[in-house]
C-alpha atoms as a PDB file:
ATOM      1  CA  MET A   1      -0.022   0.051   0.021  1.00  0.00           C
ATOM      2  CA  LEU A   2       1.334   3.493  -0.816  1.00  0.00           C
ATOM      3  CA  VAL A   3       1.520   5.807   2.187  1.00  0.00           C
ATOM      4  CA  LEU A   4       2.356   9.554   1.384  1.00  0.00           C
ATOM      5  CA  THR A   5       2.389  12.612   3.308  1.00  0.00           C
ATOM      6  CA  THR A   6       1.350  14.648   0.387  1.00  0.00           C
ATOM      7  CA  PRO A   7      -2.445  15.441  -0.386  1.00  0.00           C
ATOM      8  CA  GLN A   8      -2.355  13.940  -3.802  1.00  0.00           C
ATOM      9  CA  ILE A   9      -0.486  11.088  -5.811  1.00  0.00           C
ATOM     10  CA  GLU A  10       1.489  12.868  -8.485  1.00  0.00           C
ATOM     11  CA  GLY A  11       0.653  11.606 -11.989  1.00  0.00           C
ATOM     12  CA  LYS A  12      -2.331   9.471 -10.514  1.00  0.00           C
ATOM     13  CA  LYS A  13      -6.047  10.156 -10.483  1.00  0.00           C
ATOM     14  CA  ILE A  14      -7.808   9.592  -7.324  1.00  0.00           C
ATOM     15  CA  ILE A  15     -11.081   7.891  -8.081  1.00  0.00           C
ATOM     16  CA  GLU A  16     -12.424   7.417  -4.430  1.00  0.00           C
ATOM     17  CA  TYR A  17     -11.915   8.869  -1.010  1.00  0.00           C
ATOM     18  CA  HIS A  18     -12.777   6.464   1.883  1.00  0.00           C
ATOM     19  CA  GLY A  19     -12.263   8.792   4.829  1.00  0.00           C
ATOM     20  CA  LEU A  20      -9.884   9.051   7.691  1.00  0.00           C
ATOM     21  CA  VAL A  21      -7.805   6.144   9.101  1.00  0.00           C
ATOM     22  CA  THR A  22      -5.808   6.086  12.105  1.00  0.00           C
ATOM     23  CA  GLY A  23      -3.171   3.767  13.853  1.00  0.00           C
ATOM     24  CA  ASP A  24      -1.914   3.980  17.330  1.00  0.00           C
ATOM     25  CA  SER A  25       0.832   2.353  19.365  1.00  0.00           C
ATOM     26  CA  LEU A  26       1.975   2.715  22.950  1.00  0.00           C
ATOM     27  CA  LEU A  27       5.553   2.631  24.133  1.00  0.00           C
ATOM     28  CA  GLY A  28       6.249   2.131  27.880  1.00  0.00           C
ATOM     29  CA  ALA A  29       9.578   3.586  29.182  1.00  0.00           C
ATOM     30  CA  ASN A  30      10.358   2.637  32.659  1.00  0.00           C
ATOM     31  CA  LEU A  31      12.458   4.606  35.276  1.00  0.00           C
ATOM     32  CA  TYR A  32      15.774   2.638  34.706  1.00  0.00           C
ATOM     33  CA  LYS A  33      15.683   3.175  30.971  1.00  0.00           C
ATOM     34  CA  ASP A  34      15.030   6.951  31.584  1.00  0.00           C
ATOM     35  CA  MET A  35      18.058   7.198  33.893  1.00  0.00           C
ATOM     36  CA  PHE A  36      20.355   5.465  31.575  1.00  0.00           C
ATOM     37  CA  SER A  37      19.079   7.368  28.574  1.00  0.00           C
ATOM     38  CA  GLY A  38      19.725  10.684  30.552  1.00  0.00           C
ATOM     39  CA  VAL A  39      23.333   9.639  31.356  1.00  0.00           C
ATOM     40  CA  ARG A  40      24.034   8.446  27.807  1.00  0.00           C
ATOM     41  CA  ASP A  41      22.705  11.835  26.434  1.00  0.00           C
ATOM     42  CA  VAL A  42      25.079  13.736  28.965  1.00  0.00           C
ATOM     43  CA  VAL A  43      28.176  11.944  27.660  1.00  0.00           C
ATOM     44  CA  GLY A  44      27.181  12.439  24.048  1.00  0.00           C
ATOM     45  CA  GLY A  45      26.118   8.820  23.384  1.00  0.00           C
ATOM     46  CA  ARG A  46      22.873   7.991  21.430  1.00  0.00           C
ATOM     47  CA  THR A  47      19.992   6.234  22.914  1.00  0.00           C
ATOM     48  CA  SER A  48      19.753   3.493  20.291  1.00  0.00           C
ATOM     49  CA  LYS A  49      17.396   1.561  22.291  1.00  0.00           C
ATOM     50  CA  TYR A  50      14.910   4.375  22.476  1.00  0.00           C
ATOM     51  CA  GLU A  51      15.279   4.913  18.846  1.00  0.00           C
ATOM     52  CA  GLU A  52      14.526   1.290  17.980  1.00  0.00           C
ATOM     53  CA  GLU A  53      11.534   1.340  20.103  1.00  0.00           C
ATOM     54  CA  LEU A  54      10.236   4.411  18.556  1.00  0.00           C
ATOM     55  CA  THR A  55      10.788   2.974  15.162  1.00  0.00           C
ATOM     56  CA  ASN A  56       8.760  -0.128  16.043  1.00  0.00           C
ATOM     57  CA  ALA A  57       5.991   1.883  17.653  1.00  0.00           C
ATOM     58  CA  ARG A  58       5.813   3.938  14.502  1.00  0.00           C
ATOM     59  CA  LYS A  59       5.813   0.773  12.343  1.00  0.00           C
ATOM     60  CA  LEU A  60       3.117  -0.868  14.433  1.00  0.00           C
ATOM     61  CA  ALA A  61       0.939   2.251  14.208  1.00  0.00           C
ATOM     62  CA  GLN A  62       1.221   2.487  10.452  1.00  0.00           C
ATOM     63  CA  GLU A  63       0.543  -1.071  10.013  1.00  0.00           C
ATOM     64  CA  SER A  64      -2.772  -0.624  11.984  1.00  0.00           C
ATOM     65  CA  MET A  65      -3.551   2.345   9.783  1.00  0.00           C
ATOM     66  CA  GLN A  66      -2.912   0.375   6.587  1.00  0.00           C
ATOM     67  CA  GLU A  67      -5.045  -2.528   7.818  1.00  0.00           C
ATOM     68  CA  LYS A  68      -8.065  -0.120   8.250  1.00  0.00           C
ATOM     69  CA  ALA A  69      -7.508   1.496   4.876  1.00  0.00           C
ATOM     70  CA  GLU A  70      -7.496  -1.973   3.159  1.00  0.00           C
ATOM     71  CA  LYS A  71     -10.669  -2.877   4.949  1.00  0.00           C
ATOM     72  CA  LYS A  72     -12.298   0.215   3.338  1.00  0.00           C
ATOM     73  CA  GLY A  73     -10.975  -0.871  -0.026  1.00  0.00           C
ATOM     74  CA  ALA A  74      -8.255   1.742  -0.382  1.00  0.00           C
ATOM     75  CA  ASN A  75      -4.877   1.098  -2.048  1.00  0.00           C
ATOM     76  CA  ALA A  76      -3.249   4.310  -0.733  1.00  0.00           C
ATOM     77  CA  VAL A  77      -3.267   6.638   2.129  1.00  0.00           C
ATOM     78  CA  ILE A  78      -2.465  10.264   1.518  1.00  0.00           C
ATOM     79  CA  GLY A  79      -1.873  13.322   3.863  1.00  0.00           C
ATOM     80  CA  THR A  80      -0.349  11.080   6.415  1.00  0.00           C
ATOM     81  CA  ARG A  81       0.820  12.808   9.786  1.00  0.00           C
ATOM     82  CA  VAL A  82       2.600  11.044  12.703  1.00  0.00           C
ATOM     83  CA  THR A  83       2.255  12.538  16.190  1.00  0.00           C
ATOM     84  CA  TYR A  84       3.838  11.538  19.527  1.00  0.00           C
ATOM     85  CA  HIS A  85       2.196  12.030  22.843  1.00  0.00           C
ATOM     86  CA  ASN A  86       3.744  11.752  26.249  1.00  0.00           C
ATOM     87  CA  LEU A  87       1.002  10.233  28.484  1.00  0.00           C
ATOM     88  CA  GLY A  88       3.071  10.230  31.652  1.00  0.00           C
ATOM     89  CA  GLY A  89       3.234   7.630  34.238  1.00  0.00           C
ATOM     90  CA  THR A  90       4.313   6.730  37.630  1.00  0.00           C
ATOM     91  CA  MET A  91       7.380   4.707  36.932  1.00  0.00           C
ATOM     92  CA  GLY A  92       8.354   6.488  33.915  1.00  0.00           C
ATOM     93  CA  ASN A  93       6.687   7.688  30.548  1.00  0.00           C
ATOM     94  CA  THR A  94       4.255   6.138  28.213  1.00  0.00           C
ATOM     95  CA  ILE A  95       4.471   7.452  24.621  1.00  0.00           C
ATOM     96  CA  MET A  96       1.743   7.133  22.315  1.00  0.00           C
ATOM     97  CA  VAL A  97       2.375   7.158  18.499  1.00  0.00           C
ATOM     98  CA  THR A  98      -0.509   8.151  16.416  1.00  0.00           C
ATOM     99  CA  ILE A  99      -0.562   8.122  12.606  1.00  0.00           C
ATOM    100  CA  ILE A 100      -3.486   9.478  10.601  1.00  0.00           C
ATOM    101  CA  GLY A 101      -4.205   9.723   6.856  1.00  0.00           C
ATOM    102  CA  THR A 102      -6.919   9.608   4.175  1.00  0.00           C
ATOM    103  CA  ALA A 103      -7.654   6.302   2.784  1.00  0.00           C
ATOM    104  CA  VAL A 104      -8.061   6.652  -1.108  1.00  0.00           C
ATOM    105  CA  THR A 105      -8.297   4.497  -4.164  1.00  0.00           C
ATOM    106  CA  PHE A 106      -6.148   5.676  -6.991  1.00  0.00           C
ATOM    107  CA  GLN A 107      -6.357   4.383 -10.673  1.00  0.00           C
ATOM    108  CA  GLU A 108      -3.275   2.474 -11.261  1.00  0.00           C
END
């Protein structure tokens, strides 16, 4: 499935709009990871574990959105946006990744 941030598909004709589709994924971060991440940031390291987890959370959210688009009969999602929300928590933070776009069918 084609997933684009643009509002149209260059060179293609959109023949049907199916409406908004979304996908969400939660990423829990515990206190120990937060402390370790802070130490690595101070000494100039990269927090690759967080980067991997954010990538996985974004991928899960996108897969969820694509499944919803397919169920509506779409072959593309346009105008896609990804947002991150810090939901807080007692032992660390929970980050929610949300992806939203417009499911469409374009003429191939």
